[in-house]
C-alpha cells in the first residue's frame, strides 16, 4: 500500500506513529548513501532513532579506523533490500532476503526479523510508492564486534607471550630430547 504518495526517502525523514527514523536517515545522508533508498522497489528495515543512538558512539570510534567508511556504509546497507517490495502479508516463516550489504535478513514470523545475529521486532509498517519501510526496535549491527576485533588483535598478541607467567610455545624455550639426552633450543 502507498502512504499518500510518499517515497521511502520521505518516510525515513519523518517520525511516523511513534517510529522516529531520522537518526538512521541522518546516517544515510552523512555517508552519501541516499541513492540506496531511492528506486523501485526498495524495502528498508529502519531502526528507531533510539536503536541508532546506541551505536553512534561505536560509529564515531570506528571512523578513526575505517578511512573509507566501508564498515559504516555496510551497516546502513545491511538494513536495505533493493529490488524487493517485501510486504508483511507475504511474510512466511524462514523467508530470507539479501540486504544491499550482502547479509541475510530472515523473516522469523510476522513480528520479527533477524540479521547479523540480531532479532528485531517489527514495530510499524509503512508503505510507500516505491517500497516499504519497517520500523524495527534494534539495529542489525556487527560494528562493536569489528571495533573489538581490531582492538583485540593487539591484546591477543601481547597476551600470547605469557599465560599466567608461564612461557608459551612461541617464546624461546628449551626442549629436552629424552631419547638422546641432548638439549636443543628451537630457532
N, C-alpha and C. Protein backbone atom coordinates (compact mmCIF):
# COMPACT_ATOMS: atom_id res chain seq x y z
N UNK A 1 0.84 -1.18 0.00
CA UNK A 1 0.00 0.00 0.00
C UNK A 1 0.88 1.24 0.00
N UNK A 2 0.40 2.29 -0.55
CA UNK A 2 1.13 3.56 -0.60
C UNK A 2 0.72 4.41 0.60
N UNK A 3 1.63 5.27 1.02
CA UNK A 3 1.34 6.16 2.14
C UNK A 3 1.20 7.58 1.62
N UNK A 4 0.07 7.86 0.98
CA UNK A 4 -0.26 9.20 0.48
C UNK A 4 0.77 9.77 -0.48
N UNK A 5 1.25 8.97 -1.41
CA UNK A 5 2.16 9.47 -2.43
C UNK A 5 3.57 9.77 -1.93
N UNK A 6 3.97 9.20 -0.83
CA UNK A 6 5.32 9.45 -0.31
C UNK A 6 6.29 8.37 -0.77
N UNK A 7 7.55 8.77 -0.86
CA UNK A 7 8.61 7.82 -1.20
C UNK A 7 9.22 7.27 0.09
N UNK A 8 9.98 6.20 -0.06
CA UNK A 8 10.70 5.62 1.09
C UNK A 8 11.58 6.70 1.72
N UNK A 9 12.28 7.45 0.89
CA UNK A 9 13.16 8.51 1.38
C UNK A 9 12.39 9.54 2.21
N UNK A 10 11.21 9.93 1.76
CA UNK A 10 10.40 10.90 2.51
C UNK A 10 9.94 10.31 3.85
N UNK A 11 9.57 9.04 3.84
CA UNK A 11 9.12 8.39 5.08
C UNK A 11 10.25 8.34 6.09
N UNK A 12 11.46 8.02 5.64
CA UNK A 12 12.60 7.91 6.56
C UNK A 12 12.95 9.23 7.24
N UNK A 13 12.56 10.33 6.64
CA UNK A 13 12.84 11.64 7.24
C UNK A 13 11.85 12.02 8.33
N UNK A 14 10.82 11.23 8.53
CA UNK A 14 9.72 11.58 9.42
C UNK A 14 9.69 10.76 10.69
N UNK A 15 8.86 11.22 11.61
CA UNK A 15 8.51 10.48 12.81
C UNK A 15 7.07 10.04 12.60
N UNK A 16 6.90 8.78 12.27
CA UNK A 16 5.56 8.28 11.94
C UNK A 16 5.04 7.33 12.99
N UNK A 17 3.97 7.69 13.62
CA UNK A 17 3.31 6.81 14.56
C UNK A 17 4.23 6.24 15.63
N UNK A 18 5.07 7.07 16.20
CA UNK A 18 5.96 6.63 17.26
C UNK A 18 7.26 6.03 16.78
N UNK A 19 7.48 5.99 15.48
CA UNK A 19 8.74 5.48 14.93
C UNK A 19 9.51 6.63 14.30
N UNK A 20 10.56 7.03 14.98
CA UNK A 20 11.41 8.11 14.50
C UNK A 20 12.60 7.49 13.79
N UNK A 21 12.66 7.66 12.47
CA UNK A 21 13.74 7.12 11.65
C UNK A 21 14.83 8.16 11.38
N UNK A 22 14.68 9.36 11.89
CA UNK A 22 15.55 10.47 11.48
C UNK A 22 17.03 10.20 11.71
N UNK A 23 17.41 9.54 12.79
CA UNK A 23 18.84 9.27 13.03
C UNK A 23 19.39 8.32 11.97
N UNK A 24 18.60 7.33 11.56
CA UNK A 24 19.03 6.41 10.50
C UNK A 24 19.17 7.17 9.19
N UNK A 25 18.18 8.01 8.88
CA UNK A 25 18.26 8.79 7.65
C UNK A 25 19.44 9.79 7.70
N UNK A 26 19.70 10.37 8.86
CA UNK A 26 20.85 11.26 9.00
C UNK A 26 22.16 10.53 8.67
N UNK A 27 22.28 9.27 9.12
CA UNK A 27 23.47 8.47 8.77
C UNK A 27 23.54 8.24 7.26
N UNK A 28 22.40 7.93 6.66
CA UNK A 28 22.35 7.71 5.21
C UNK A 28 22.87 8.95 4.48
N UNK A 29 22.40 10.12 4.90
CA UNK A 29 22.85 11.38 4.27
C UNK A 29 24.33 11.64 4.56
N UNK A 30 24.73 11.48 5.82
CA UNK A 30 26.10 11.78 6.21
C UNK A 30 27.12 10.96 5.43
N UNK A 31 26.78 9.71 5.13
CA UNK A 31 27.71 8.84 4.41
C UNK A 31 27.36 8.72 2.93
N UNK A 32 26.59 9.70 2.42
CA UNK A 32 26.30 9.86 1.00
C UNK A 32 25.71 8.59 0.37
N UNK A 33 24.70 8.02 1.04
CA UNK A 33 24.06 6.80 0.54
C UNK A 33 22.57 7.00 0.24
N UNK A 34 22.15 8.24 -0.05
CA UNK A 34 20.72 8.47 -0.28
C UNK A 34 20.20 7.67 -1.47
N UNK A 35 21.04 7.38 -2.44
CA UNK A 35 20.59 6.62 -3.62
C UNK A 35 20.17 5.20 -3.24
N UNK A 36 20.68 4.69 -2.13
CA UNK A 36 20.34 3.33 -1.72
C UNK A 36 18.87 3.18 -1.36
N UNK A 37 18.24 4.26 -0.94
CA UNK A 37 16.81 4.19 -0.58
C UNK A 37 15.92 4.80 -1.66
N UNK A 38 16.50 5.01 -2.82
CA UNK A 38 15.73 5.51 -3.96
C UNK A 38 15.56 4.37 -4.96
N UNK A 39 14.61 4.49 -5.81
CA UNK A 39 14.40 3.46 -6.82
C UNK A 39 13.20 2.62 -6.50
N UNK A 40 12.88 1.75 -7.42
CA UNK A 40 11.66 1.00 -7.27
C UNK A 40 11.94 -0.46 -7.53
N UNK A 41 11.61 -1.34 -6.71
CA UNK A 41 11.19 -1.17 -5.32
C UNK A 41 12.37 -1.26 -4.36
N UNK A 42 12.14 -0.86 -3.14
CA UNK A 42 13.14 -0.95 -2.08
C UNK A 42 12.41 -1.22 -0.76
N UNK A 43 13.00 -2.09 0.05
CA UNK A 43 12.47 -2.37 1.38
C UNK A 43 13.53 -1.98 2.39
N UNK A 44 13.14 -1.21 3.39
CA UNK A 44 14.09 -0.77 4.42
C UNK A 44 13.59 -1.24 5.78
N UNK A 45 14.49 -1.91 6.50
CA UNK A 45 14.23 -2.27 7.89
C UNK A 45 14.95 -1.21 8.71
N UNK A 46 14.23 -0.14 9.01
CA UNK A 46 14.83 1.05 9.61
C UNK A 46 14.77 1.00 11.13
N UNK A 47 15.94 1.01 11.77
CA UNK A 47 15.95 1.03 13.23
C UNK A 47 15.42 2.37 13.76
N UNK A 48 14.70 2.30 14.87
CA UNK A 48 14.27 3.53 15.53
C UNK A 48 15.49 4.35 15.89
N UNK A 49 15.30 5.63 16.02
CA UNK A 49 16.42 6.51 16.37
C UNK A 49 17.07 6.09 17.68
N UNK A 50 16.29 5.62 18.64
CA UNK A 50 16.86 5.15 19.91
C UNK A 50 17.85 4.02 19.70
N UNK A 51 17.56 3.11 18.78
CA UNK A 51 18.48 2.00 18.49
C UNK A 51 19.74 2.50 17.79
N UNK A 52 19.59 3.49 16.94
CA UNK A 52 20.75 4.06 16.25
C UNK A 52 21.65 4.80 17.23
N UNK A 53 21.05 5.52 18.15
CA UNK A 53 21.85 6.26 19.14
C UNK A 53 22.72 5.32 19.95
N UNK A 54 22.26 4.08 20.13
CA UNK A 54 23.06 3.10 20.86
C UNK A 54 24.36 2.75 20.14
N UNK A 55 24.39 2.91 18.81
CA UNK A 55 25.60 2.56 18.07
C UNK A 55 26.38 3.78 17.55
N UNK A 56 25.86 4.98 17.77
CA UNK A 56 26.54 6.20 17.28
C UNK A 56 27.96 6.31 17.84
N UNK A 57 28.14 6.07 19.13
CA UNK A 57 29.49 6.16 19.71
C UNK A 57 30.44 5.17 19.06
N UNK A 58 29.96 3.97 18.80
CA UNK A 58 30.78 2.97 18.13
C UNK A 58 31.13 3.44 16.72
N UNK A 59 30.16 4.02 16.03
CA UNK A 59 30.40 4.53 14.68
C UNK A 59 31.47 5.62 14.71
N UNK A 60 31.38 6.53 15.65
CA UNK A 60 32.36 7.62 15.74
C UNK A 60 33.76 7.08 16.02
N UNK A 61 33.86 6.06 16.89
CA UNK A 61 35.17 5.44 17.16
C UNK A 61 35.70 4.75 15.91
N UNK A 62 34.81 4.11 15.19
CA UNK A 62 35.20 3.35 14.02
C UNK A 62 35.67 4.24 12.88
N UNK A 63 35.13 5.46 12.79
CA UNK A 63 35.54 6.39 11.74
C UNK A 63 37.05 6.60 11.73
N UNK A 64 37.65 6.61 12.90
CA UNK A 64 39.09 6.83 13.00
C UNK A 64 39.88 5.66 12.42
N UNK A 65 39.31 4.45 12.46
CA UNK A 65 39.99 3.26 11.97
C UNK A 65 39.60 2.89 10.54
N UNK A 66 38.48 3.41 10.06
CA UNK A 66 37.89 2.99 8.80
C UNK A 66 37.85 4.20 7.86
N UNK A 67 39.00 4.53 7.27
CA UNK A 67 39.13 5.76 6.49
C UNK A 67 38.11 5.89 5.37
N UNK A 68 37.78 4.80 4.68
CA UNK A 68 36.80 4.88 3.59
C UNK A 68 35.37 4.62 4.06
N UNK A 69 35.19 4.45 5.37
CA UNK A 69 33.87 4.26 5.98
C UNK A 69 33.12 3.04 5.47
N UNK A 70 33.84 2.04 4.97
CA UNK A 70 33.21 0.84 4.42
C UNK A 70 32.34 0.12 5.47
N UNK A 71 32.85 -0.04 6.67
CA UNK A 71 32.10 -0.76 7.69
C UNK A 71 30.82 -0.01 8.05
N UNK A 72 30.92 1.30 8.15
CA UNK A 72 29.74 2.10 8.49
C UNK A 72 28.72 2.06 7.34
N UNK A 73 29.19 2.17 6.10
CA UNK A 73 28.29 2.09 4.95
C UNK A 73 27.64 0.70 4.87
N UNK A 74 28.41 -0.34 5.17
CA UNK A 74 27.84 -1.68 5.18
C UNK A 74 26.77 -1.82 6.27
N UNK A 75 26.98 -1.15 7.39
CA UNK A 75 25.96 -1.14 8.45
C UNK A 75 24.64 -0.60 7.91
N UNK A 76 24.70 0.48 7.17
CA UNK A 76 23.49 1.08 6.59
C UNK A 76 22.89 0.13 5.55
N UNK A 77 23.74 -0.37 4.64
CA UNK A 77 23.27 -1.27 3.58
C UNK A 77 22.65 -2.55 4.13
N UNK A 78 23.05 -2.97 5.32
CA UNK A 78 22.52 -4.19 5.93
C UNK A 78 21.04 -4.08 6.25
N UNK A 79 20.50 -2.88 6.24
CA UNK A 79 19.10 -2.65 6.57
C UNK A 79 18.22 -2.44 5.33
N UNK A 80 18.81 -2.57 4.14
CA UNK A 80 18.10 -2.26 2.90
C UNK A 80 18.09 -3.47 1.96
N UNK A 81 16.93 -3.75 1.39
CA UNK A 81 16.80 -4.79 0.37
C UNK A 81 16.37 -4.09 -0.92
N UNK A 82 17.27 -4.05 -1.90
CA UNK A 82 16.99 -3.41 -3.18
C UNK A 82 16.26 -4.39 -4.10
N UNK A 83 15.37 -3.87 -4.93
CA UNK A 83 14.68 -4.68 -5.92
C UNK A 83 13.57 -5.56 -5.36
N UNK A 84 13.21 -5.37 -4.10
CA UNK A 84 12.15 -6.16 -3.48
C UNK A 84 11.22 -5.25 -2.69
N UNK A 85 9.96 -5.48 -2.87
CA UNK A 85 8.95 -4.83 -2.03
C UNK A 85 8.39 -5.94 -1.15
N UNK A 86 8.95 -6.09 0.03
CA UNK A 86 8.59 -7.18 0.93
C UNK A 86 7.39 -6.76 1.75
N UNK A 87 6.25 -7.32 1.43
CA UNK A 87 5.01 -6.97 2.13
C UNK A 87 4.79 -7.91 3.30
N UNK A 88 4.35 -7.37 4.41
CA UNK A 88 4.12 -8.16 5.61
C UNK A 88 3.09 -9.26 5.36
N UNK A 89 2.12 -9.00 4.50
CA UNK A 89 1.10 -10.02 4.22
C UNK A 89 1.70 -11.23 3.49
N UNK A 90 2.87 -11.04 2.89
CA UNK A 90 3.56 -12.13 2.20
C UNK A 90 4.63 -12.78 3.06
N UNK A 91 4.77 -12.31 4.30
CA UNK A 91 5.77 -12.90 5.19
C UNK A 91 5.46 -14.37 5.41
N UNK A 92 6.47 -15.16 5.29
CA UNK A 92 6.37 -16.57 5.65
C UNK A 92 7.55 -16.87 6.55
N UNK A 93 7.34 -17.74 7.54
CA UNK A 93 8.44 -18.11 8.43
C UNK A 93 9.62 -18.59 7.60
N UNK A 94 10.78 -18.16 7.98
CA UNK A 94 12.05 -18.55 7.36
C UNK A 94 12.25 -18.04 5.94
N UNK A 95 11.46 -17.06 5.48
CA UNK A 95 11.78 -16.39 4.22
C UNK A 95 13.09 -15.66 4.41
N UNK A 96 13.94 -15.65 3.41
CA UNK A 96 15.23 -14.97 3.52
C UNK A 96 15.43 -14.05 2.33
N UNK A 97 16.04 -12.91 2.62
CA UNK A 97 16.32 -11.91 1.60
C UNK A 97 17.76 -11.43 1.78
N UNK A 98 18.39 -11.02 0.69
CA UNK A 98 19.75 -10.48 0.75
C UNK A 98 19.68 -8.96 0.88
N UNK A 99 20.41 -8.45 1.85
CA UNK A 99 20.48 -7.00 2.01
C UNK A 99 21.44 -6.43 0.96
N UNK A 100 21.43 -5.12 0.80
CA UNK A 100 22.34 -4.46 -0.13
C UNK A 100 23.80 -4.66 0.29
N UNK A 101 24.03 -4.98 1.55
CA UNK A 101 25.36 -5.25 2.08
C UNK A 101 25.78 -6.68 1.81
N UNK A 102 24.79 -7.56 1.59
CA UNK A 102 25.09 -8.96 1.30
C UNK A 102 24.73 -9.92 2.42
N UNK A 103 24.35 -9.38 3.57
CA UNK A 103 23.94 -10.26 4.67
C UNK A 103 22.51 -10.73 4.45
N UNK A 104 22.14 -11.78 5.14
CA UNK A 104 20.80 -12.34 5.01
C UNK A 104 19.87 -11.75 6.06
N UNK A 105 18.71 -11.32 5.61
CA UNK A 105 17.65 -10.89 6.51
C UNK A 105 16.61 -11.99 6.49
N UNK A 106 16.38 -12.59 7.65
CA UNK A 106 15.46 -13.72 7.76
C UNK A 106 14.17 -13.26 8.43
N UNK A 107 13.06 -13.61 7.79
CA UNK A 107 11.75 -13.33 8.36
C UNK A 107 11.44 -14.46 9.32
N UNK A 108 11.34 -14.17 10.60
CA UNK A 108 11.03 -15.21 11.59
C UNK A 108 9.54 -15.49 11.63
N UNK A 109 8.76 -14.44 11.63
CA UNK A 109 7.30 -14.51 11.63
C UNK A 109 6.80 -13.11 11.26
N UNK A 110 5.56 -12.84 11.43
CA UNK A 110 5.02 -11.53 11.03
C UNK A 110 5.47 -10.40 11.95
N UNK A 111 6.14 -10.74 13.05
CA UNK A 111 6.52 -9.73 14.02
C UNK A 111 8.02 -9.54 14.21
N UNK A 112 8.85 -10.45 13.72
CA UNK A 112 10.29 -10.33 13.96
C UNK A 112 11.10 -10.72 12.72
N UNK A 113 12.26 -10.08 12.62
CA UNK A 113 13.24 -10.39 11.58
C UNK A 113 14.61 -10.53 12.25
N UNK A 114 15.49 -11.29 11.63
CA UNK A 114 16.83 -11.49 12.17
C UNK A 114 17.86 -11.23 11.09
N UNK A 115 18.92 -10.54 11.46
CA UNK A 115 20.08 -10.37 10.59
C UNK A 115 21.29 -10.11 11.47
N UNK A 116 22.43 -10.63 11.06
CA UNK A 116 23.69 -10.44 11.79
C UNK A 116 23.58 -10.87 13.25
N UNK A 117 22.76 -11.86 13.51
CA UNK A 117 22.62 -12.36 14.87
C UNK A 117 21.72 -11.53 15.76
N UNK A 118 21.08 -10.51 15.21
CA UNK A 118 20.19 -9.66 16.00
C UNK A 118 18.75 -9.91 15.57
N UNK A 119 17.92 -10.25 16.53
CA UNK A 119 16.49 -10.39 16.25
C UNK A 119 15.83 -9.06 16.60
N UNK A 120 15.13 -8.51 15.62
CA UNK A 120 14.48 -7.22 15.81
C UNK A 120 12.97 -7.37 15.67
N UNK A 121 12.27 -6.67 16.52
CA UNK A 121 10.81 -6.69 16.48
C UNK A 121 10.33 -5.61 15.50
N UNK A 122 9.37 -5.98 14.67
CA UNK A 122 8.77 -5.01 13.76
C UNK A 122 7.71 -4.23 14.54
N UNK A 123 7.91 -2.92 14.62
CA UNK A 123 7.01 -2.07 15.40
C UNK A 123 5.91 -1.49 14.52
N UNK A 124 6.27 -1.10 13.31
CA UNK A 124 5.31 -0.46 12.41
C UNK A 124 5.74 -0.71 10.98
N UNK A 125 4.75 -0.80 10.11
CA UNK A 125 4.99 -0.96 8.67
C UNK A 125 4.37 0.23 7.96
N UNK A 126 5.13 0.85 7.06
CA UNK A 126 4.62 1.98 6.30
C UNK A 126 4.93 1.76 4.83
N UNK A 127 3.88 1.70 4.02
CA UNK A 127 4.05 1.54 2.59
C UNK A 127 4.38 2.86 1.93
N UNK A 128 5.10 2.77 0.84
CA UNK A 128 5.46 3.95 0.06
C UNK A 128 5.21 3.64 -1.41
N UNK A 129 5.23 4.66 -2.25
CA UNK A 129 5.05 4.44 -3.69
C UNK A 129 6.16 3.56 -4.26
N UNK A 130 7.35 3.67 -3.71
CA UNK A 130 8.49 2.95 -4.27
C UNK A 130 9.00 1.82 -3.37
N UNK A 131 8.23 1.44 -2.36
CA UNK A 131 8.66 0.35 -1.50
C UNK A 131 7.93 0.33 -0.18
N UNK A 132 8.64 -0.15 0.83
CA UNK A 132 8.04 -0.27 2.16
C UNK A 132 9.12 -0.04 3.22
N UNK A 133 8.72 0.56 4.33
CA UNK A 133 9.64 0.80 5.45
C UNK A 133 9.09 0.07 6.66
N UNK A 134 9.93 -0.76 7.27
CA UNK A 134 9.59 -1.42 8.52
C UNK A 134 10.37 -0.74 9.63
N UNK A 135 9.65 -0.26 10.62
CA UNK A 135 10.29 0.30 11.80
C UNK A 135 10.64 -0.89 12.70
N UNK A 136 11.93 -1.04 13.03
CA UNK A 136 12.36 -2.13 13.89
C UNK A 136 12.96 -1.58 15.18
N UNK A 137 12.92 -2.36 16.23
CA UNK A 137 13.33 -1.87 17.55
C UNK A 137 14.82 -1.98 17.81
N UNK A 138 15.58 -2.58 16.90
CA UNK A 138 17.01 -2.76 17.12
C UNK A 138 17.73 -2.62 15.79
N UNK A 139 19.03 -2.41 15.85
CA UNK A 139 19.84 -2.28 14.64
C UNK A 139 20.54 -3.59 14.34
N UNK A 140 20.59 -3.96 13.05
CA UNK A 140 21.39 -5.10 12.63
C UNK A 140 22.82 -4.59 12.61
N UNK A 141 23.60 -4.99 13.57
CA UNK A 141 24.94 -4.42 13.59
C UNK A 141 25.98 -5.39 14.10
N UNK A 142 27.13 -5.28 13.47
CA UNK A 142 28.29 -6.02 13.91
C UNK A 142 29.45 -5.05 14.12
N UNK A 143 29.10 -3.77 14.25
CA UNK A 143 30.14 -2.75 14.40
C UNK A 143 30.95 -2.95 15.67
N UNK A 144 30.28 -3.25 16.77
CA UNK A 144 31.01 -3.45 18.03
C UNK A 144 31.97 -4.61 17.91
N UNK A 145 31.54 -5.67 17.22
CA UNK A 145 32.42 -6.82 17.02
C UNK A 145 33.63 -6.41 16.20
N UNK A 146 33.41 -5.62 15.14
CA UNK A 146 34.52 -5.19 14.29
C UNK A 146 35.51 -4.33 15.06
N UNK A 147 35.01 -3.37 15.82
CA UNK A 147 35.91 -2.50 16.56
C UNK A 147 36.63 -3.27 17.66
N UNK A 148 35.94 -4.19 18.32
CA UNK A 148 36.58 -5.00 19.35
C UNK A 148 37.58 -5.97 18.75
N UNK A 149 37.28 -6.51 17.57
CA UNK A 149 38.20 -7.43 16.91
C UNK A 149 39.50 -6.70 16.56
N UNK A 150 39.37 -5.46 16.06
CA UNK A 150 40.58 -4.70 15.70
C UNK A 150 41.40 -4.37 16.94
N UNK A 151 40.73 -3.98 18.01
CA UNK A 151 41.44 -3.70 19.25
C UNK A 151 41.97 -4.98 19.87
N UNK A 152 41.17 -6.02 19.81
CA UNK A 152 41.51 -7.29 20.45
C UNK A 152 42.73 -7.96 19.86
N UNK A 153 43.01 -7.74 18.58
CA UNK A 153 44.16 -8.38 17.96
C UNK A 153 45.44 -8.00 18.68
N UNK A 154 45.58 -6.74 19.02
CA UNK A 154 46.78 -6.30 19.73
C UNK A 154 46.86 -6.92 21.10
N UNK A 155 45.74 -6.99 21.80
CA UNK A 155 45.73 -7.61 23.12
C UNK A 155 46.06 -9.09 23.04
N UNK A 156 45.51 -9.76 22.04
CA UNK A 156 45.77 -11.19 21.92
C UNK A 156 47.24 -11.46 21.69
N UNK A 157 47.89 -10.63 20.87
CA UNK A 157 49.31 -10.84 20.61
C UNK A 157 50.13 -10.66 21.89
N UNK A 158 49.82 -9.62 22.64
CA UNK A 158 50.56 -9.41 23.88
C UNK A 158 50.27 -10.52 24.88
N UNK A 159 49.03 -10.94 24.96
CA UNK A 159 48.64 -11.98 25.90
C UNK A 159 49.25 -13.32 25.53
N UNK A 160 49.59 -13.52 24.26
CA UNK A 160 50.11 -14.81 23.82
C UNK A 160 51.54 -15.05 24.31
N UNK A 161 52.22 -14.01 24.73
CA UNK A 161 53.61 -14.22 25.13
C UNK A 161 53.72 -14.89 26.50
N UNK A 162 52.75 -14.70 27.34
CA UNK A 162 52.77 -15.40 28.63
C UNK A 162 51.36 -15.80 29.02
N UNK A 163 51.25 -16.90 29.69
CA UNK A 163 49.99 -17.34 30.25
C UNK A 163 50.23 -17.62 31.71
N UNK A 164 49.67 -16.78 32.55
CA UNK A 164 49.87 -16.90 34.00
C UNK A 164 51.35 -16.95 34.35
N UNK A 165 52.12 -16.15 33.66
CA UNK A 165 53.55 -16.06 33.96
C UNK A 165 54.39 -17.16 33.34
N UNK A 166 53.77 -18.12 32.66
CA UNK A 166 54.50 -19.22 32.06
C UNK A 166 54.76 -18.91 30.59
N UNK A 167 55.94 -19.25 30.07
CA UNK A 167 56.20 -19.02 28.65
C UNK A 167 55.29 -19.88 27.78
N UNK A 168 54.91 -19.36 26.63
CA UNK A 168 54.11 -20.11 25.69
C UNK A 168 55.02 -20.76 24.66
N UNK A 169 54.52 -21.71 23.89
CA UNK A 169 55.36 -22.41 22.93
C UNK A 169 56.04 -21.51 21.91
N UNK A 170 55.47 -20.34 21.61
CA UNK A 170 56.11 -19.49 20.61
C UNK A 170 57.23 -18.63 21.20
N UNK A 171 57.42 -18.63 22.51
CA UNK A 171 58.53 -17.89 23.08
C UNK A 171 59.74 -18.83 23.15
N UNK A 172 60.91 -18.29 23.40
CA UNK A 172 62.11 -19.12 23.43
C UNK A 172 62.06 -20.05 24.62
N UNK A 173 62.14 -21.35 24.32
CA UNK A 173 62.12 -22.37 25.37
C UNK A 173 63.19 -23.40 25.08
N UNK A 174 63.51 -24.11 26.08
CA UNK A 174 64.48 -25.20 25.92
C UNK A 174 63.71 -26.50 25.99
N UNK A 175 63.96 -27.38 24.99
CA UNK A 175 63.30 -28.68 24.99
C UNK A 175 64.35 -29.76 25.20
N UNK A 176 63.93 -30.81 25.81
CA UNK A 176 64.85 -31.91 26.08
C UNK A 176 64.39 -33.12 25.31
N UNK A 177 65.30 -33.66 24.49
CA UNK A 177 65.02 -34.88 23.75
C UNK A 177 65.39 -36.04 24.67
N UNK A 178 64.40 -36.77 25.15
CA UNK A 178 64.66 -37.82 26.13
C UNK A 178 65.30 -39.04 25.51
N UNK A 179 65.27 -39.19 24.19
CA UNK A 179 65.87 -40.37 23.59
C UNK A 179 67.38 -40.26 23.52
N UNK A 180 67.92 -39.06 23.38
CA UNK A 180 69.36 -38.92 23.27
C UNK A 180 69.96 -38.12 24.41
N UNK A 181 69.11 -37.59 25.28
CA UNK A 181 69.53 -36.77 26.41
C UNK A 181 70.27 -35.53 26.00
N UNK A 182 69.98 -35.01 24.81
CA UNK A 182 70.61 -33.75 24.39
C UNK A 182 69.60 -32.63 24.54
N UNK A 183 70.11 -31.43 24.66
CA UNK A 183 69.25 -30.27 24.84
C UNK A 183 69.31 -29.45 23.56
N UNK A 184 68.15 -28.98 23.10
CA UNK A 184 68.14 -28.14 21.92
C UNK A 184 67.28 -26.91 22.15
N UNK A 185 67.59 -25.86 21.45
CA UNK A 185 66.82 -24.61 21.54
C UNK A 185 66.21 -24.37 20.17
N UNK A 186 64.87 -24.25 20.09
CA UNK A 186 64.25 -24.03 18.79
C UNK A 186 64.68 -22.70 18.21
N UNK A 187 64.68 -22.62 16.88
CA UNK A 187 65.06 -21.38 16.22
C UNK A 187 63.87 -20.71 15.61
